[in-house]
Protein backbone atom coordinates (compact mmCIF):
# COMPACT_ATOMS: atom_id res chain seq x y z
CA MET A 1 78.71 82.87 79.11
CA HIS A 2 82.02 80.17 80.20
CA GLN A 3 82.80 81.21 83.55
CA LYS A 4 86.63 81.23 82.74
CA THR A 5 85.62 83.73 80.27
CA VAL A 6 83.81 86.23 82.53
CA ILE A 7 86.75 85.63 84.82
CA ALA A 8 89.08 86.51 82.07
CA LEU A 9 86.90 89.74 81.09
CA LYS A 10 86.86 90.98 84.89
CA LEU A 11 90.59 90.54 85.38
CA ALA A 12 91.50 92.57 82.20
CA ALA A 13 88.90 95.33 83.60
CA LEU A 14 90.65 95.06 87.03
CA LEU A 15 94.10 95.20 85.90
CA GLY A 16 94.14 95.99 82.28
CA ALA A 17 95.37 99.77 82.79
CA ASN A 18 97.71 98.76 85.65
CA LEU A 19 101.73 98.86 86.05
CA LEU A 20 102.94 95.84 87.97
CA LEU A 21 105.58 97.92 88.98
CA ALA A 22 107.09 97.06 92.46
CA GLY A 23 103.81 94.68 93.55
CA SER A 24 101.07 98.37 93.50
CA ALA A 25 99.16 98.85 90.51
CA HIS A 26 98.95 102.61 91.48
CA SER A 27 101.79 104.22 93.40
CA VAL A 28 105.66 102.86 93.87
CA THR A 29 106.62 100.91 97.35
CA ILE A 30 109.78 101.90 98.01
CA ASP A 31 112.79 99.93 100.00
CA ALA A 32 113.56 100.70 103.64
CA GLY A 33 116.06 103.44 103.60
CA ASP A 34 115.29 105.04 99.89
CA TYR A 35 115.10 108.47 101.25
CA THR A 36 118.34 108.43 102.60
CA ARG A 37 120.46 111.53 101.60
CA LEU A 38 124.09 110.92 100.28
CA PRO A 39 127.08 113.17 99.69
CA ASP A 40 127.33 115.44 96.50
CA GLY A 41 128.27 113.76 93.21
CA THR A 42 127.28 110.16 94.67
CA ASN A 43 126.07 108.05 91.83
CA LEU A 44 124.02 104.59 91.83
CA ALA A 45 123.31 102.11 89.16
CA VAL A 46 120.37 99.72 90.40
CA LEU A 47 119.47 96.62 89.24
CA TYR A 48 116.17 94.74 90.50
CA TYR A 49 114.34 91.54 89.63
CA GLN A 50 111.33 90.89 91.18
CA HIS A 51 108.74 88.11 90.95
CA PHE A 52 105.38 87.32 92.16
CA GLU A 53 102.46 85.06 91.98
CA GLY A 54 98.73 84.99 93.66
CA LYS A 55 95.74 82.95 92.30
CA GLN A 56 92.79 84.53 94.30
CA LEU A 57 90.82 87.47 92.30
CA TYR A 58 88.55 89.91 94.02
CA SER A 59 85.99 92.29 92.76
CA GLN A 60 84.44 95.04 95.46
CA GLY A 61 85.67 92.61 98.51
CA ASN A 62 84.06 89.08 96.83
CA LYS A 63 86.27 86.45 95.91
CA LEU A 64 85.70 85.73 92.21
CA SER A 65 88.02 82.56 92.01
CA GLY A 66 90.81 80.91 93.93
CA ASN A 67 92.55 79.66 90.57
CA ALA A 68 92.94 82.85 88.53
CA ARG A 69 96.62 82.12 88.50
CA LEU A 70 99.19 85.44 87.55
CA SER A 71 102.79 85.53 88.34
CA ALA A 72 105.21 87.79 86.94
CA ASP A 73 108.94 88.28 86.83
CA ILE A 74 110.24 91.94 86.64
CA GLY A 75 113.63 93.38 85.99
CA ILE A 76 114.05 97.39 86.58
CA LEU A 77 117.17 99.46 85.25
CA ARG A 78 117.60 102.77 87.80
CA GLY A 79 120.31 105.26 87.46
CA VAL A 80 120.76 107.73 90.16
CA ARG A 81 122.77 111.32 91.20
CA PHE A 82 123.13 113.47 93.80
CA VAL A 83 123.48 117.10 93.31
CA ASP A 84 123.94 119.89 96.23
CA ILE A 85 122.22 123.09 95.34
CA GLY A 86 122.73 125.38 98.46
CA ASP A 87 120.98 123.47 101.26
CA PHE A 88 119.25 121.13 98.67
CA THR A 89 120.07 117.92 97.36
CA VAL A 90 118.50 117.15 93.92
CA VAL A 91 118.26 113.39 92.84
CA PRO A 92 117.86 113.49 89.12
CA GLN A 93 117.02 109.44 88.48
CA PHE A 94 115.45 107.08 86.02
CA LEU A 95 113.87 103.76 86.13
CA LEU A 96 113.00 101.46 83.08
CA PRO A 97 111.12 98.09 83.92
CA PHE A 98 110.61 95.47 81.84
CA GLY A 99 109.49 91.60 82.54
CA GLN A 100 107.31 88.99 81.63
CA LEU A 101 103.54 88.39 82.71
CA ASN A 102 102.16 85.03 82.80
CA THR A 103 98.68 83.08 83.36
CA GLY A 104 97.02 80.09 83.99
CA GLY A 105 94.08 78.32 85.66
CA ASP A 106 90.74 80.24 85.03
CA LEU A 107 93.13 82.59 82.94
CA ALA A 108 94.86 80.52 81.09
CA GLY A 109 92.94 81.40 78.16
CA LEU A 110 94.76 85.16 78.41
CA SER A 111 97.99 85.15 76.56
CA SER A 112 101.63 85.87 78.18
CA THR A 113 102.52 89.34 77.90
CA ASN A 114 106.33 90.81 78.11
CA GLY A 115 107.91 93.87 77.16
CA ILE A 116 109.51 97.13 77.94
CA GLY A 117 107.64 99.32 80.29
CA ASP A 118 106.66 103.18 80.55
CA LEU A 119 110.18 105.23 81.31
CA ILE A 120 109.96 106.65 84.64
CA PHE A 121 111.21 110.44 85.53
CA ALA A 122 112.18 111.00 89.20
CA PRO A 123 113.68 113.97 90.68
CA THR A 124 113.84 113.39 94.04
CA ILE A 125 114.40 117.01 96.42
CA HIS A 126 115.77 116.54 99.98
CA LEU A 127 115.10 119.68 101.95
CA ILE A 128 116.87 119.14 104.91
CA LYS A 129 120.42 118.61 106.04
CA ASP A 130 121.16 116.38 109.37
CA PRO A 131 124.50 114.21 109.14
CA GLU A 132 124.49 114.09 112.52
CA ARG A 133 121.02 112.29 113.84
CA LYS A 134 120.65 111.14 110.12
CA ARG A 135 117.51 112.37 109.30
CA ALA A 136 115.98 112.73 105.56
CA PHE A 137 112.54 114.44 104.63
CA ALA A 138 112.75 114.76 100.90
CA VAL A 139 109.46 115.08 98.08
CA THR A 140 109.64 113.09 94.86
CA PRO A 141 107.64 113.50 91.64
CA TRP A 142 107.47 110.30 89.59
CA LEU A 143 106.49 110.78 86.32
CA TYR A 144 105.89 107.81 84.04
CA MET A 145 106.02 108.72 80.58
CA PRO A 146 103.84 106.54 78.13
CA THR A 147 106.68 105.08 76.21
CA GLY A 148 106.15 101.24 77.18
CA ASN A 149 104.85 98.42 75.27
CA TYR A 150 100.86 98.78 74.79
CA ASP A 151 98.78 96.82 72.72
CA ARG A 152 94.82 97.63 72.58
CA ASN A 153 93.79 94.28 71.59
CA ASN A 154 95.81 92.89 74.24
CA ALA A 155 93.39 91.89 77.52
CA LEU A 156 96.57 92.71 80.00
CA ASN A 157 98.75 95.42 79.19
CA ALA A 158 101.18 95.01 82.27
CA PHE A 159 104.17 97.30 81.30
CA GLY A 160 103.10 100.14 79.16
CA GLU A 161 99.90 101.81 80.03
CA ASN A 162 99.81 104.47 76.94
CA ARG A 163 99.02 107.22 79.58
CA TRP A 164 101.11 110.10 81.45
CA LYS A 165 100.75 109.34 85.32
CA LEU A 166 102.28 111.16 88.61
CA ASP A 167 102.74 110.04 91.63
CA MET A 168 103.95 112.42 93.99
CA GLN A 169 105.95 110.97 97.23
CA VAL A 170 106.74 112.23 100.40
CA GLY A 171 109.77 110.36 102.22
CA TYR A 172 110.43 110.69 106.11
CA ILE A 173 113.69 109.22 107.80
CA THR A 174 114.35 109.63 111.26
CA PRO A 175 116.26 107.24 113.78
CA LEU A 176 114.81 106.04 117.08
CA SER A 177 117.59 104.85 118.89
CA ASP A 178 121.24 103.76 117.82
CA LYS A 179 119.70 100.48 116.18
CA TRP A 180 116.57 101.60 115.15
CA SER A 181 114.82 103.90 112.49
CA LEU A 182 111.80 104.68 111.05
CA ASP A 183 111.23 105.34 107.23
CA LEU A 184 107.25 107.07 107.05
CA ILE A 185 105.87 107.62 103.32
CA GLY A 186 103.04 108.86 101.45
CA ASP A 187 101.87 109.25 97.90
CA VAL A 188 98.88 110.90 95.54
CA VAL A 189 98.80 109.56 92.25
CA TRP A 190 97.19 111.54 89.16
CA TYR A 191 96.29 109.60 86.47
CA GLY A 192 96.05 111.08 82.59
CA ASP A 193 93.85 109.56 80.34
CA ASN A 194 93.97 106.48 77.90
CA ASN A 195 92.27 107.15 74.59
CA ASP A 196 92.94 103.89 73.09
CA PHE A 197 91.49 101.70 75.49
CA GLY A 198 90.41 98.24 74.67
CA ASN A 199 89.39 96.80 71.17
CA THR A 200 86.87 99.71 70.98
CA SER A 201 89.19 102.44 71.39
CA ALA A 202 87.15 103.43 74.38
CA ARG A 203 88.56 106.93 76.86
CA LEU A 204 89.76 104.94 80.30
CA LYS A 205 89.71 107.52 83.26
CA GLN A 206 91.03 106.78 86.72
CA SER A 207 90.58 109.14 90.15
CA LEU A 208 93.25 109.42 92.10
CA SER A 209 94.77 106.74 94.49
CA TYR A 210 97.07 107.00 97.68
CA GLN A 211 99.39 105.12 99.15
CA LEU A 212 100.77 105.02 103.42
CA GLN A 213 103.41 102.77 103.94
CA THR A 214 106.24 102.41 106.80
CA HIS A 215 108.91 100.54 107.31
CA LEU A 216 110.82 99.85 110.65
CA ARG A 217 114.78 98.95 110.57
CA TYR A 218 116.55 97.09 112.87
CA HIS A 219 120.91 98.39 111.99
CA ILE A 220 122.83 94.83 112.98
CA THR A 221 125.77 96.77 111.78
CA PRO A 222 126.67 99.98 110.20
CA GLY A 223 126.54 98.07 106.70
CA THR A 224 123.46 95.04 107.55
CA TYR A 225 119.86 95.98 108.50
CA LEU A 226 116.65 94.03 108.79
CA ALA A 227 113.55 95.65 107.94
CA GLY A 228 109.49 95.18 107.97
CA MET A 229 107.43 96.78 105.65
CA LEU A 230 103.74 97.52 106.42
CA SER A 231 101.69 99.77 103.43
CA TYR A 232 98.02 100.80 102.51
CA ASP A 233 96.69 101.81 99.24
CA TRP A 234 93.31 102.89 98.32
CA GLY A 235 91.16 104.65 95.68
CA GLY A 236 92.10 104.61 92.12
CA GLU A 237 88.97 103.70 90.48
CA THR A 238 88.35 103.84 87.20
CA LYS A 239 85.86 104.63 84.15
CA VAL A 240 85.65 103.29 80.48
CA ASN A 241 83.59 105.99 78.55
CA GLY A 242 81.84 107.25 81.73
CA VAL A 243 80.87 104.35 83.03
CA SER A 244 82.41 103.33 86.39
CA GLN A 245 84.26 99.74 86.50
CA GLY A 246 83.59 99.58 90.90
CA ASP A 247 87.43 98.68 90.80
CA ARG A 248 88.26 100.79 93.69
CA GLN A 249 91.34 99.73 95.35
CA GLU A 250 91.87 98.84 98.87
CA ARG A 251 95.23 96.86 98.80
CA THR A 252 97.50 96.24 102.69
CA LYS A 253 100.48 94.48 102.31
CA ALA A 254 103.64 93.75 104.06
CA LEU A 255 107.57 93.06 103.51
CA LEU A 256 110.85 91.58 105.24
CA THR A 257 113.68 92.92 104.15
CA VAL A 258 117.49 91.89 104.58
CA GLY A 259 120.15 94.79 103.14
CA HIS A 260 123.92 94.16 103.61
CA PHE A 261 127.18 95.92 101.71
CA VAL A 262 129.26 93.31 100.68
CA THR A 263 131.89 95.50 99.79
CA PRO A 264 131.80 99.57 100.79
CA SER A 265 130.35 100.04 97.36
CA ILE A 266 128.03 96.78 96.57
CA GLN A 267 124.86 96.39 98.46
CA ILE A 268 122.52 93.10 97.92
CA LEU A 269 118.93 93.73 98.81
CA GLY A 270 116.37 90.68 99.11
CA SER A 271 112.33 91.12 100.30
CA TYR A 272 110.01 88.49 100.91
CA GLY A 273 106.14 89.93 100.44
CA GLN A 274 102.36 88.96 100.43
CA ASP A 275 99.15 91.06 100.24
CA LEU A 276 97.20 90.73 103.55
CA SER A 277 93.83 91.80 102.09
CA VAL A 278 92.66 92.83 98.87
CA ARG A 279 89.13 94.55 97.10
CA THR A 280 90.14 94.27 93.97
CA GLY A 281 92.06 92.69 91.47
CA ILE A 282 94.69 89.45 92.17
CA LYS A 283 96.06 88.77 96.32
CA GLU A 284 99.59 88.18 95.88
CA ASP A 285 100.73 84.98 97.64
CA ASN A 286 104.15 85.42 97.62
CA ARG A 287 106.59 88.20 96.62
CA PHE A 288 110.21 87.93 95.93
CA ASN A 289 112.41 91.09 95.27
CA LEU A 290 115.89 91.14 94.75
CA ARG A 291 118.17 94.61 94.16
CA LEU A 292 121.82 94.97 93.13
CA VAL A 293 123.21 98.63 94.33
CA LYS A 294 126.59 99.84 93.25
CA VAL A 295 127.81 103.10 94.40
CA PHE A 296 130.28 104.89 92.54
């Protein structure tokens, strides 16, 4: 079999079932400060733009190709509302990803894909009130609903997974000093089955995956901060009709972020990052994130 065909098939097996949202095939990578508890009645309208590119393809820690070019341009629409219920704050929110995936090099035989992703419902629950110290502790069930574009005949389905998925995420924010604060985030992800995987309509099953991430923020002014993020996610091996695909994930990534309120109600955030190590899949050489938030 031609080497390019082998690599293309490997990539399809490694990435074909995974949403390329926020740079993780498994769990949700958040921005620094996302778990800040805001006053009752606060609404947020959020628009994201994300671009990433990579060319190194790995399988079980072994490099299969240095020219397996993959890039994506992704947008996300997000609506958020804060509602106080007794001592708790509930934050219902919806997210809708959309975008385009492009391939080249050893993956040039795989056609580009674009479309609308799976709708995500994420009702955060804040469990403590601590306005003086500005601590926050919250739980978010990120529920992915199989509403996005999916075609079992496509080698890559980057936006629609044709299955339900639940990411249970816990977030904690604590100030370290007047200028420094720390965000700690943990995830466990459960995956429903995709019973229409590949051109034979096979059953895809996936084991639990996990992620730990931390953000260290330096507050230059009350409305401007710099942050560094380090995350590690692992697990999530898949089986197709009961046959293990040997695609257990281990991925370490880093991100640098600048956030600034240009007005009291408008924030702009920009990030740059890359993967430090990858066991399975494409290693991101460059990632650029932009975020616009309107508070009302």
